[in-house]
Amino acid sequence: MSVDAKIVRRIAHLARIAVADDEVEHLQGELNAILAFVEQLSEVDVAGVEPMTSVTPMAMKKRPDAVTDGGDADAVLRNAPAREGNYFAVPKVVE
């Protein structure tokens, strides 16, 4: 894929970035270099490679998925700026 000046201006518009006319050619070259590198990555054979969460082998820390009642409601709501019964009171945002 090749990026032309029109696409550079469109990307800049979508990203809400002001790009001067003299910068378009430079950005065009930069974007084309990035896309060429990404195309090189598609040539790598990754068949049989397991997905990783880290570069070092490790097991994910997991907690039991158990429903609790939150403990003591008075302790939970002690620092609340406003409350109604056992609930946080928040100002109305949408009318």
PDB file of N, CA and C in Angstrom:
ATOM      1  N   MET A   1       0.847  -1.182   0.000  1.00  0.00           N
ATOM      2  CA  MET A   1       0.000   0.000   0.000  1.00  0.00           C
ATOM      3  C   MET A   1       0.888   1.239   0.000  1.00  0.00           C
ATOM      4  N   SER A   2       0.495   2.214  -0.758  1.00  0.00           N
ATOM      5  CA  SER A   2       1.260   3.446  -0.844  1.00  0.00           C
ATOM      6  C   SER A   2       0.389   4.620  -0.412  1.00  0.00           C
ATOM      7  N   VAL A   3       0.984   5.515   0.336  1.00  0.00           N
ATOM      8  CA  VAL A   3       0.282   6.693   0.842  1.00  0.00           C
ATOM      9  C   VAL A   3       0.632   7.884  -0.035  1.00  0.00           C
ATOM     10  N   ASP A   4      -0.392   8.586  -0.506  1.00  0.00           N
ATOM     11  CA  ASP A   4      -0.142   9.799  -1.281  1.00  0.00           C
ATOM     12  C   ASP A   4      -0.475  11.021  -0.422  1.00  0.00           C
ATOM     13  N   ALA A   5      -0.291  12.211  -0.983  1.00  0.00           N
ATOM     14  CA  ALA A   5      -0.486  13.452  -0.231  1.00  0.00           C
ATOM     15  C   ALA A   5      -1.927  13.605   0.244  1.00  0.00           C
ATOM     16  N   LYS A   6      -2.879  13.145  -0.568  1.00  0.00           N
ATOM     17  CA  LYS A   6      -4.286  13.251  -0.194  1.00  0.00           C
ATOM     18  C   LYS A   6      -4.576  12.414   1.059  1.00  0.00           C
ATOM     19  N   ILE A   7      -4.009  11.217   1.117  1.00  0.00           N
ATOM     20  CA  ILE A   7      -4.215  10.345   2.281  1.00  0.00           C
ATOM     21  C   ILE A   7      -3.539  10.931   3.517  1.00  0.00           C
ATOM     22  N   VAL A   8      -2.359  11.530   3.340  1.00  0.00           N
ATOM     23  CA  VAL A   8      -1.671  12.170   4.467  1.00  0.00           C
ATOM     24  C   VAL A   8      -2.542  13.276   5.057  1.00  0.00           C
ATOM     25  N   ARG A   9      -3.128  14.070   4.198  1.00  0.00           N
ATOM     26  CA  ARG A   9      -4.002  15.157   4.687  1.00  0.00           C
ATOM     27  C   ARG A   9      -5.239  14.595   5.379  1.00  0.00           C
ATOM     28  N   ARG A  10      -5.790  13.501   4.841  1.00  0.00           N
ATOM     29  CA  ARG A  10      -6.964  12.883   5.465  1.00  0.00           C
ATOM     30  C   ARG A  10      -6.615  12.316   6.834  1.00  0.00           C
ATOM     31  N   ILE A  11      -5.491  11.638   6.954  1.00  0.00           N
ATOM     32  CA  ILE A  11      -5.052  11.093   8.245  1.00  0.00           C
ATOM     33  C   ILE A  11      -4.849  12.222   9.244  1.00  0.00           C
ATOM     34  N   ALA A  12      -4.223  13.296   8.802  1.00  0.00           N
ATOM     35  CA  ALA A  12      -4.010  14.442   9.688  1.00  0.00           C
ATOM     36  C   ALA A  12      -5.342  15.039  10.133  1.00  0.00           C
ATOM     37  N   HIS A  13      -6.295  15.114   9.223  1.00  0.00           N
ATOM     38  CA  HIS A  13      -7.623  15.641   9.576  1.00  0.00           C
ATOM     39  C   HIS A  13      -8.306  14.739  10.605  1.00  0.00           C
ATOM     40  N   LEU A  14      -8.266  13.426  10.375  1.00  0.00           N
ATOM     41  CA  LEU A  14      -8.900  12.485  11.294  1.00  0.00           C
ATOM     42  C   LEU A  14      -8.234  12.501  12.669  1.00  0.00           C
ATOM     43  N   ALA A  15      -6.928  12.728  12.686  1.00  0.00           N
ATOM     44  CA  ALA A  15      -6.190  12.778  13.951  1.00  0.00           C
ATOM     45  C   ALA A  15      -6.228  14.159  14.587  1.00  0.00           C
ATOM     46  N   ARG A  16      -6.872  15.100  13.906  1.00  0.00           N
ATOM     47  CA  ARG A  16      -6.967  16.482  14.400  1.00  0.00           C
ATOM     48  C   ARG A  16      -5.581  17.086  14.607  1.00  0.00           C
ATOM     49  N   ILE A  17      -4.715  16.851  13.609  1.00  0.00           N
ATOM     50  CA  ILE A  17      -3.350  17.374  13.651  1.00  0.00           C
ATOM     51  C   ILE A  17      -3.196  18.383  12.519  1.00  0.00           C
ATOM     52  N   ALA A  18      -2.704  19.554  12.845  1.00  0.00           N
ATOM     53  CA  ALA A  18      -2.452  20.563  11.822  1.00  0.00           C
ATOM     54  C   ALA A  18      -1.144  20.226  11.115  1.00  0.00           C
ATOM     55  N   VAL A  19      -1.220  20.041   9.807  1.00  0.00           N
ATOM     56  CA  VAL A  19      -0.035  19.702   9.013  1.00  0.00           C
ATOM     57  C   VAL A  19       0.122  20.767   7.942  1.00  0.00           C
ATOM     58  N   ALA A  20       1.279  21.415   7.940  1.00  0.00           N
ATOM     59  CA  ALA A  20       1.575  22.431   6.922  1.00  0.00           C
ATOM     60  C   ALA A  20       1.849  21.743   5.590  1.00  0.00           C
ATOM     61  N   ASP A  21       1.655  22.476   4.506  1.00  0.00           N
ATOM     62  CA  ASP A  21       1.847  21.914   3.169  1.00  0.00           C
ATOM     63  C   ASP A  21       3.278  21.430   2.936  1.00  0.00           C
ATOM     64  N   ASP A  22       4.258  22.097   3.549  1.00  0.00           N
ATOM     65  CA  ASP A  22       5.648  21.676   3.350  1.00  0.00           C
ATOM     66  C   ASP A  22       5.999  20.425   4.160  1.00  0.00           C
ATOM     67  N   GLU A  23       5.154  20.011   5.101  1.00  0.00           N
ATOM     68  CA  GLU A  23       5.401  18.804   5.902  1.00  0.00           C
ATOM     69  C   GLU A  23       4.777  17.560   5.285  1.00  0.00           C
ATOM     70  N   VAL A  24       3.874  17.740   4.325  1.00  0.00           N
ATOM     71  CA  VAL A  24       3.132  16.609   3.759  1.00  0.00           C
ATOM     72  C   VAL A  24       4.064  15.605   3.102  1.00  0.00           C
ATOM     73  N   GLU A  25       5.016  16.081   2.318  1.00  0.00           N
ATOM     74  CA  GLU A  25       5.931  15.169   1.613  1.00  0.00           C
ATOM     75  C   GLU A  25       6.759  14.347   2.594  1.00  0.00           C
ATOM     76  N   HIS A  26       7.248  14.989   3.653  1.00  0.00           N
ATOM     77  CA  HIS A  26       8.031  14.270   4.667  1.00  0.00           C
ATOM     78  C   HIS A  26       7.169  13.204   5.360  1.00  0.00           C
ATOM     79  N   LEU A  27       5.952  13.566   5.737  1.00  0.00           N
ATOM     80  CA  LEU A  27       5.062  12.614   6.398  1.00  0.00           C
ATOM     81  C   LEU A  27       4.673  11.473   5.464  1.00  0.00           C
ATOM     82  N   GLN A  28       4.554  11.769   4.185  1.00  0.00           N
ATOM     83  CA  GLN A  28       4.244  10.735   3.212  1.00  0.00           C
ATOM     84  C   GLN A  28       5.342   9.671   3.204  1.00  0.00           C
ATOM     85  N   GLY A  29       6.588  10.122   3.203  1.00  0.00           N
ATOM     86  CA  GLY A  29       7.709   9.178   3.249  1.00  0.00           C
ATOM     87  C   GLY A  29       7.734   8.379   4.540  1.00  0.00           C
ATOM     88  N   GLU A  30       7.456   9.042   5.670  1.00  0.00           N
ATOM     89  CA  GLU A  30       7.443   8.351   6.967  1.00  0.00           C
ATOM     90  C   GLU A  30       6.353   7.280   6.999  1.00  0.00           C
ATOM     91  N   LEU A  31       5.158   7.627   6.564  1.00  0.00           N
ATOM     92  CA  LEU A  31       4.053   6.665   6.576  1.00  0.00           C
ATOM     93  C   LEU A  31       4.308   5.502   5.630  1.00  0.00           C
ATOM     94  N   ASN A  32       4.881   5.774   4.466  1.00  0.00           N
ATOM     95  CA  ASN A  32       5.212   4.690   3.542  1.00  0.00           C
ATOM     96  C   ASN A  32       6.268   3.757   4.134  1.00  0.00           C
ATOM     97  N   ALA A  33       7.236   4.306   4.869  1.00  0.00           N
ATOM     98  CA  ALA A  33       8.256   3.470   5.509  1.00  0.00           C
ATOM     99  C   ALA A  33       7.626   2.586   6.588  1.00  0.00           C
ATOM    100  N   ILE A  34       6.691   3.132   7.350  1.00  0.00           N
ATOM    101  CA  ILE A  34       6.012   2.352   8.390  1.00  0.00           C
ATOM    102  C   ILE A  34       5.212   1.219   7.755  1.00  0.00           C
ATOM    103  N   LEU A  35       4.476   1.529   6.698  1.00  0.00           N
ATOM    104  CA  LEU A  35       3.675   0.498   6.030  1.00  0.00           C
ATOM    105  C   LEU A  35       4.554  -0.575   5.387  1.00  0.00           C
ATOM    106  N   ALA A  36       5.704  -0.194   4.871  1.00  0.00           N
ATOM    107  CA  ALA A  36       6.625  -1.179   4.298  1.00  0.00           C
ATOM    108  C   ALA A  36       7.137  -2.125   5.375  1.00  0.00           C
ATOM    109  N   PHE A  37       7.401  -1.597   6.566  1.00  0.00           N
ATOM    110  CA  PHE A  37       7.851  -2.450   7.668  1.00  0.00           C
ATOM    111  C   PHE A  37       6.741  -3.413   8.087  1.00  0.00           C
ATOM    112  N   VAL A  38       5.520  -2.937   8.153  1.00  0.00           N
ATOM    113  CA  VAL A  38       4.393  -3.798   8.519  1.00  0.00           C
ATOM    114  C   VAL A  38       4.217  -4.902   7.476  1.00  0.00           C
ATOM    115  N   GLU A  39       4.406  -4.586   6.208  1.00  0.00           N
ATOM    116  CA  GLU A  39       4.322  -5.603   5.164  1.00  0.00           C
ATOM    117  C   GLU A  39       5.414  -6.656   5.332  1.00  0.00           C
ATOM    118  N   GLN A  40       6.589  -6.257   5.783  1.00  0.00           N
ATOM    119  CA  GLN A  40       7.666  -7.223   6.051  1.00  0.00           C
ATOM    120  C   GLN A  40       7.254  -8.179   7.158  1.00  0.00           C
ATOM    121  N   LEU A  41       6.544  -7.678   8.158  1.00  0.00           N
ATOM    122  CA  LEU A  41       6.126  -8.530   9.271  1.00  0.00           C
ATOM    123  C   LEU A  41       5.161  -9.621   8.819  1.00  0.00           C
ATOM    124  N   SER A  42       4.373  -9.343   7.787  1.00  0.00           N
ATOM    125  CA  SER A  42       3.422 -10.350   7.309  1.00  0.00           C
ATOM    126  C   SER A  42       4.122 -11.521   6.632  1.00  0.00           C
ATOM    127  N   GLU A  43       5.380 -11.379   6.282  1.00  0.00           N
ATOM    128  CA  GLU A  43       6.137 -12.452   5.647  1.00  0.00           C
ATOM    129  C   GLU A  43       6.679 -13.465   6.654  1.00  0.00           C
ATOM    130  N   VAL A  44       6.648 -13.134   7.945  1.00  0.00           N
ATOM    131  CA  VAL A  44       7.195 -14.019   8.967  1.00  0.00           C
ATOM    132  C   VAL A  44       6.254 -15.197   9.179  1.00  0.00           C
ATOM    133  N   ASP A  45       6.821 -16.415   9.211  1.00  0.00           N
ATOM    134  CA  ASP A  45       6.020 -17.615   9.443  1.00  0.00           C
ATOM    135  C   ASP A  45       5.807 -17.778  10.944  1.00  0.00           C
ATOM    136  N   VAL A  46       4.563 -17.653  11.386  1.00  0.00           N
ATOM    137  CA  VAL A  46       4.250 -17.776  12.809  1.00  0.00           C
ATOM    138  C   VAL A  46       3.406 -19.011  13.088  1.00  0.00           C
ATOM    139  N   ALA A  47       3.391 -19.943  12.145  1.00  0.00           N
ATOM    140  CA  ALA A  47       2.631 -21.178  12.341  1.00  0.00           C
ATOM    141  C   ALA A  47       3.225 -21.939  13.530  1.00  0.00           C
ATOM    142  N   GLY A  48       2.386 -22.342  14.443  1.00  0.00           N
ATOM    143  CA  GLY A  48       2.832 -23.106  15.608  1.00  0.00           C
ATOM    144  C   GLY A  48       3.366 -22.262  16.750  1.00  0.00           C
ATOM    145  N   VAL A  49       3.336 -20.953  16.621  1.00  0.00           N
ATOM    146  CA  VAL A  49       3.809 -20.080  17.693  1.00  0.00           C
ATOM    147  C   VAL A  49       2.625 -19.727  18.584  1.00  0.00           C
ATOM    148  N   GLU A  50       2.747 -20.038  19.864  1.00  0.00           N
ATOM    149  CA  GLU A  50       1.673 -19.767  20.811  1.00  0.00           C
ATOM    150  C   GLU A  50       1.624 -18.278  21.153  1.00  0.00           C
ATOM    151  N   PRO A  51       0.433 -17.722  21.334  1.00  0.00           N
ATOM    152  CA  PRO A  51       0.330 -16.323  21.768  1.00  0.00           C
ATOM    153  C   PRO A  51       0.954 -16.143  23.149  1.00  0.00           C
ATOM    154  N   MET A  52       1.528 -14.969  23.395  1.00  0.00           N
ATOM    155  CA  MET A  52       2.210 -14.714  24.666  1.00  0.00           C
ATOM    156  C   MET A  52       1.572 -13.529  25.380  1.00  0.00           C
ATOM    157  N   THR A  53       1.639 -13.564  26.708  1.00  0.00           N
ATOM    158  CA  THR A  53       1.239 -12.406  27.501  1.00  0.00           C
ATOM    159  C   THR A  53       2.466 -11.669  28.008  1.00  0.00           C
ATOM    160  N   SER A  54       3.635 -12.298  27.883  1.00  0.00           N
ATOM    161  CA  SER A  54       4.879 -11.709  28.347  1.00  0.00           C
ATOM    162  C   SER A  54       6.033 -12.344  27.589  1.00  0.00           C
ATOM    163  N   VAL A  55       7.195 -11.709  27.613  1.00  0.00           N
ATOM    164  CA  VAL A  55       8.360 -12.295  26.944  1.00  0.00           C
ATOM    165  C   VAL A  55       8.985 -13.396  27.786  1.00  0.00           C
ATOM    166  N   THR A  56       8.635 -13.447  29.061  1.00  0.00           N
ATOM    167  CA  THR A  56       9.111 -14.519  29.929  1.00  0.00           C
ATOM    168  C   THR A  56       7.930 -15.417  30.290  1.00  0.00           C
ATOM    169  N   PRO A  57       8.145 -16.719  30.360  1.00  0.00           N
ATOM    170  CA  PRO A  57       7.040 -17.611  30.701  1.00  0.00           C
ATOM    171  C   PRO A  57       6.528 -17.322  32.115  1.00  0.00           C
ATOM    172  N   MET A  58       5.240 -17.208  32.254  1.00  0.00           N
ATOM    173  CA  MET A  58       4.654 -16.970  33.566  1.00  0.00           C
ATOM    174  C   MET A  58       3.201 -17.391  33.550  1.00  0.00           C
ATOM    175  N   ALA A  59       2.700 -17.694  34.716  1.00  0.00           N
ATOM    176  CA  ALA A  59       1.288 -18.037  34.848  1.00  0.00           C
ATOM    177  C   ALA A  59       0.526 -16.798  35.298  1.00  0.00           C
ATOM    178  N   MET A  60      -0.653 -16.605  34.744  1.00  0.00           N
ATOM    179  CA  MET A  60      -1.468 -15.466  35.130  1.00  0.00           C
ATOM    180  C   MET A  60      -1.986 -15.669  36.553  1.00  0.00           C
ATOM    181  N   LYS A  61      -1.911 -14.606  37.352  1.00  0.00           N
ATOM    182  CA  LYS A  61      -2.464 -14.665  38.699  1.00  0.00           C
ATOM    183  C   LYS A  61      -3.968 -14.521  38.599  1.00  0.00           C
ATOM    184  N   LYS A  62      -4.669 -15.452  39.183  1.00  0.00           N
ATOM    185  CA  LYS A  62      -6.129 -15.426  39.112  1.00  0.00           C
ATOM    186  C   LYS A  62      -6.696 -15.531  40.515  1.00  0.00           C
ATOM    187  N   ARG A  63      -7.784 -14.831  40.735  1.00  0.00           N
ATOM    188  CA  ARG A  63      -8.492 -14.933  42.004  1.00  0.00           C
ATOM    189  C   ARG A  63      -9.773 -15.699  41.749  1.00  0.00           C
ATOM    190  N   PRO A  64     -10.318 -16.308  42.780  1.00  0.00           N
ATOM    191  CA  PRO A  64     -11.581 -17.015  42.560  1.00  0.00           C
ATOM    192  C   PRO A  64     -12.697 -16.036  42.212  1.00  0.00           C
ATOM    193  N   ASP A  65     -13.529 -16.434  41.294  1.00  0.00           N
ATOM    194  CA  ASP A  65     -14.648 -15.596  40.866  1.00  0.00           C
ATOM    195  C   ASP A  65     -15.831 -15.877  41.788  1.00  0.00           C
ATOM    196  N   ALA A  66     -15.837 -15.186  42.927  1.00  0.00           N
ATOM    197  CA  ALA A  66     -16.872 -15.415  43.924  1.00  0.00           C
ATOM    198  C   ALA A  66     -17.632 -14.119  44.174  1.00  0.00           C
ATOM    199  N   VAL A  67     -18.946 -14.228  44.275  1.00  0.00           N
ATOM    200  CA  VAL A  67     -19.781 -13.070  44.552  1.00  0.00           C
ATOM    201  C   VAL A  67     -19.795 -12.832  46.051  1.00  0.00           C
ATOM    202  N   THR A  68     -19.553 -11.583  46.438  1.00  0.00           N
ATOM    203  CA  THR A  68     -19.613 -11.230  47.861  1.00  0.00           C
ATOM    204  C   THR A  68     -20.601 -10.094  48.035  1.00  0.00           C
ATOM    205  N   ASP A  69     -20.997  -9.859  49.259  1.00  0.00           N
ATOM    206  CA  ASP A  69     -21.956  -8.789  49.527  1.00  0.00           C
ATOM    207  C   ASP A  69     -21.270  -7.458  49.778  1.00  0.00           C
ATOM    208  N   GLY A  70     -19.969  -7.397  49.620  1.00  0.00           N
ATOM    209  CA  GLY A  70     -19.240  -6.156  49.818  1.00  0.00           C
ATOM    210  C   GLY A  70     -18.877  -5.897  51.261  1.00  0.00           C
ATOM    211  N   GLY A  71     -19.209  -6.827  52.113  1.00  0.00           N
ATOM    212  CA  GLY A  71     -18.843  -6.660  53.515  1.00  0.00           C
ATOM    213  C   GLY A  71     -19.786  -5.708  54.229  1.00  0.00           C
ATOM    214  N   ASP A  72     -19.212  -4.783  54.937  1.00  0.00           N
ATOM    215  CA  ASP A  72     -19.953  -3.849  55.768  1.00  0.00           C
ATOM    216  C   ASP A  72     -20.297  -2.594  54.966  1.00  0.00           C
ATOM    217  N   ALA A  73     -21.597  -2.369  54.699  1.00  0.00           N
ATOM    218  CA  ALA A  73     -22.019  -1.224  53.889  1.00  0.00           C
ATOM    219  C   ALA A  73     -21.651   0.095  54.555  1.00  0.00           C
ATOM    220  N   ASP A  74     -21.748   0.173  55.880  1.00  0.00           N
ATOM    221  CA  ASP A  74     -21.394   1.423  56.565  1.00  0.00           C
ATOM    222  C   ASP A  74     -19.920   1.754  56.383  1.00  0.00           C
ATOM    223  N   ALA A  75     -19.059   0.753  56.428  1.00  0.00           N
ATOM    224  CA  ALA A  75     -17.627   0.988  56.231  1.00  0.00           C
ATOM    225  C   ALA A  75     -17.338   1.401  54.789  1.00  0.00           C
ATOM    226  N   VAL A  76     -18.046   0.799  53.831  1.00  0.00           N
ATOM    227  CA  VAL A  76     -17.835   1.123  52.418  1.00  0.00           C
ATOM    228  C   VAL A  76     -18.262   2.561  52.132  1.00  0.00           C
ATOM    229  N   LEU A  77     -19.374   2.983  52.708  1.00  0.00           N
ATOM    230  CA  LEU A  77     -19.938   4.304  52.432  1.00  0.00           C
ATOM    231  C   LEU A  77     -19.455   5.392  53.383  1.00  0.00           C
ATOM    232  N   ARG A  78     -18.560   5.076  54.280  1.00  0.00           N
ATOM    233  CA  ARG A  78     -18.102   6.039  55.280  1.00  0.00           C
ATOM    234  C   ARG A  78     -17.514   7.304  54.643  1.00  0.00           C
ATOM    235  N   ASN A  79     -16.770   7.171  53.566  1.00  0.00           N
ATOM    236  CA  ASN A  79     -16.129   8.326  52.921  1.00  0.00           C
ATOM    237  C   ASN A  79     -16.923   8.871  51.746  1.00  0.00           C
ATOM    238  N   ALA A  80     -18.141   8.395  51.532  1.00  0.00           N
ATOM    239  CA  ALA A  80     -18.952   8.867  50.410  1.00  0.00           C
ATOM    240  C   ALA A  80     -19.359  10.317  50.643  1.00  0.00           C
ATOM    241  N   PRO A  81     -19.269  11.161  49.603  1.00  0.00           N
ATOM    242  CA  PRO A  81     -19.684  12.556  49.773  1.00  0.00           C
ATOM    243  C   PRO A  81     -21.184  12.680  50.035  1.00  0.00           C
ATOM    244  N   ALA A  82     -21.973  11.782  49.472  1.00  0.00           N
ATOM    245  CA  ALA A  82     -23.413  11.779  49.708  1.00  0.00           C
ATOM    246  C   ALA A  82     -23.906  10.348  49.585  1.00  0.00           C
ATOM    247  N   ARG A  83     -24.916  10.003  50.365  1.00  0.00           N
ATOM    248  CA  ARG A  83     -25.459   8.654  50.320  1.00  0.00           C
ATOM    249  C   ARG A  83     -26.952   8.688  50.573  1.00  0.00           C
ATOM    250  N   GLU A  84     -27.612   7.685  50.059  1.00  0.00           N
ATOM    251  CA  GLU A  84     -29.032   7.480  50.324  1.00  0.00           C
ATOM    252  C   GLU A  84     -29.183   6.033  50.747  1.00  0.00           C
ATOM    253  N   GLY A  85     -29.414   5.832  52.025  1.00  0.00           N
ATOM    254  CA  GLY A  85     -29.492   4.473  52.556  1.00  0.00           C
ATOM    255  C   GLY A  85     -28.138   3.798  52.422  1.00  0.00           C
ATOM    256  N   ASN A  86     -28.118   2.631  51.773  1.00  0.00           N
ATOM    257  CA  ASN A  86     -26.862   1.895  51.577  1.00  0.00           C
ATOM    258  C   ASN A  86     -26.309   2.078  50.160  1.00  0.00           C
ATOM    259  N   TYR A  87     -26.590   3.248  49.550  1.00  0.00           N
ATOM    260  CA  TYR A  87     -26.153   3.498  48.179  1.00  0.00           C
ATOM    261  C   TYR A  87     -25.430   4.839  48.086  1.00  0.00           C
ATOM    262  N   PHE A  88     -24.497   4.948  47.123  1.00  0.00           N
ATOM    263  CA  PHE A  88     -23.862   6.203  46.813  1.00  0.00           C
ATOM    264  C   PHE A  88     -24.884   7.103  46.122  1.00  0.00           C
ATOM    265  N   ALA A  89     -24.960   8.361  46.509  1.00  0.00           N
ATOM    266  CA  ALA A  89     -25.826   9.320  45.822  1.00  0.00           C
ATOM    267  C   ALA A  89     -24.955  10.167  44.899  1.00  0.00           C
ATOM    268  N   VAL A  90     -25.329  10.193  43.626  1.00  0.00           N
ATOM    269  CA  VAL A  90     -24.556  10.948  42.640  1.00  0.00           C
ATOM    270  C   VAL A  90     -25.470  11.968  41.967  1.00  0.00           C
ATOM    271  N   PRO A  91     -24.908  13.098  41.532  1.00  0.00           N
ATOM    272  CA  PRO A  91     -25.753  14.092  40.869  1.00  0.00           C
ATOM    273  C   PRO A  91     -26.244  13.575  39.507  1.00  0.00           C
ATOM    274  N   LYS A  92     -27.410  14.055  39.107  1.00  0.00           N
ATOM    275  CA  LYS A  92     -27.979  13.664  37.823  1.00  0.00           C
ATOM    276  C   LYS A  92     -27.132  14.288  36.707  1.00  0.00           C
ATOM    277  N   VAL A  93     -26.760  13.468  35.716  1.00  0.00           N
ATOM    278  CA  VAL A  93     -25.894  13.930  34.640  1.00  0.00           C
ATOM    279  C   VAL A  93     -26.686  14.106  33.348  1.00  0.00           C
ATOM    280  N   VAL A  94     -27.603  13.205  33.073  1.00  0.00           N
ATOM    281  CA  VAL A  94     -28.379  13.229  31.849  1.00  0.00           C
ATOM    282  C   VAL A  94     -29.808  13.593  32.190  1.00  0.00           C
ATOM    283  N   GLU A  95     -30.387  14.508  31.437  1.00  0.00           N
ATOM    284  CA  GLU A  95     -31.777  14.876  31.670  1.00  0.00           C
ATOM    285  C   GLU A  95     -32.696  14.228  30.694  1.00  0.00           C
TER     286      GLU A  95
END
